[in-house]
């Protein structure tokens, strides 16, 4: 398969968007399963994957608004994982 650079970046952008959207689907289905609103740890991992891929795509596109938005989000997702790990350590 002979893929152009433009096509490759479109694929990266779409994969990032799918991962980013998938986290909302995951959260919704998990909450339905638990019969209460919850956010599973995998939500934050999907957030990081989607955000990182979308950030790479935004950098390639040279879109400063998109770059700033995606870069900030990753900080929040990593922080949530740190808080989850900290709370698990306190319970042990």
Protein backbone atom coordinates (compact mmCIF):
# COMPACT_ATOMS: atom_id res chain seq x y z
CA UNK A 1 0.00 0.00 0.00
CA UNK A 2 1.51 3.31 -1.09
CA UNK A 3 0.31 5.93 1.38
CA UNK A 4 1.10 9.62 0.97
CA UNK A 5 2.21 11.73 3.92
CA UNK A 6 -1.14 13.57 3.81
CA UNK A 7 -3.09 10.29 3.92
CA UNK A 8 -0.97 9.03 6.82
CA UNK A 9 -1.73 12.17 8.83
CA UNK A 10 -5.41 11.91 8.04
CA UNK A 11 -5.35 8.32 9.32
CA UNK A 12 -3.55 9.46 12.53
CA UNK A 13 -6.11 12.22 13.00
CA UNK A 14 -9.06 9.89 12.51
CA UNK A 15 -7.60 7.22 14.84
CA UNK A 16 -7.07 9.90 17.48
CA UNK A 17 -10.65 11.10 17.06
CA UNK A 18 -12.01 7.55 17.27
CA UNK A 19 -10.04 6.89 20.49
CA UNK A 20 -11.18 10.22 21.91
CA UNK A 21 -14.83 9.51 21.07
CA UNK A 22 -14.47 5.91 22.27
CA UNK A 23 -13.81 7.11 25.80
CA UNK A 24 -17.28 8.68 25.96
CA UNK A 25 -18.87 5.48 24.68
CA UNK A 26 -16.86 3.49 27.25
CA UNK A 27 -17.92 5.80 30.08
CA UNK A 28 -21.58 5.65 29.04
CA UNK A 29 -21.65 1.85 28.72
CA UNK A 30 -19.76 1.35 31.99
CA UNK A 31 -22.15 3.69 33.81
CA UNK A 32 -25.13 1.81 32.37
CA UNK A 33 -23.56 -1.47 33.54
CA UNK A 34 -22.99 -0.11 37.07
CA UNK A 35 -26.38 1.70 37.12
CA UNK A 36 -24.62 4.89 38.29
CA UNK A 37 -22.34 7.48 36.77
CA UNK A 38 -18.74 6.27 36.92
CA UNK A 39 -15.52 6.86 35.02
CA UNK A 40 -13.34 3.75 34.62
CA UNK A 41 -9.53 4.07 34.58
CA UNK A 42 -9.50 3.01 30.92
CA UNK A 43 -11.37 6.26 30.14
CA UNK A 44 -8.25 8.21 31.11
CA UNK A 45 -5.96 5.95 29.07
CA UNK A 46 -8.16 6.38 25.99
CA UNK A 47 -8.13 10.12 26.69
CA UNK A 48 -4.32 10.13 26.65
CA UNK A 49 -4.12 8.07 23.44
CA UNK A 50 -6.73 10.16 21.64
CA UNK A 51 -5.32 13.46 22.87
CA UNK A 52 -1.74 12.54 21.95
CA UNK A 53 -2.70 11.46 18.43
CA UNK A 54 -4.86 14.55 17.95
CA UNK A 55 -2.01 16.73 19.25
CA UNK A 56 0.36 15.17 16.70
CA UNK A 57 -2.21 15.80 13.99
CA UNK A 58 -2.71 19.42 15.14
CA UNK A 59 1.05 20.01 15.10
CA UNK A 60 1.26 18.59 11.59
CA UNK A 61 -1.61 20.88 10.54
CA UNK A 62 0.06 23.81 12.34
CA UNK A 63 -3.20 24.71 14.09
CA UNK A 64 -2.29 26.69 17.25
CA UNK A 65 -5.80 26.58 18.74
CA UNK A 66 -6.02 22.81 18.35
CA UNK A 67 -2.43 22.38 19.66
CA UNK A 68 -3.08 24.34 22.86
CA UNK A 69 -6.39 22.57 23.47
CA UNK A 70 -4.97 19.08 23.12
CA UNK A 71 -1.74 19.80 25.02
CA UNK A 72 -3.64 21.03 28.08
CA UNK A 73 -6.01 18.07 28.11
CA UNK A 74 -3.18 15.57 28.44
CA UNK A 75 -2.05 17.22 31.67
CA UNK A 76 -5.52 16.72 33.15
CA UNK A 77 -5.68 13.07 32.07
CA UNK A 78 -2.27 12.22 33.53
CA UNK A 79 -3.17 14.03 36.77
CA UNK A 80 -6.36 12.00 37.11
CA UNK A 81 -4.35 8.78 36.75
CA UNK A 82 -1.95 10.02 39.46
CA UNK A 83 -4.88 10.75 41.80
CA UNK A 84 -6.37 7.31 41.15
CA UNK A 85 -3.04 5.61 41.86
CA UNK A 86 -2.59 7.68 45.03
CA UNK A 87 -6.05 6.77 46.33
CA UNK A 88 -5.38 3.06 45.65
CA UNK A 89 -2.09 3.28 47.62
CA UNK A 90 -3.87 4.90 50.56
CA UNK A 91 -6.40 2.04 50.68
CA UNK A 92 -3.65 -0.60 50.89
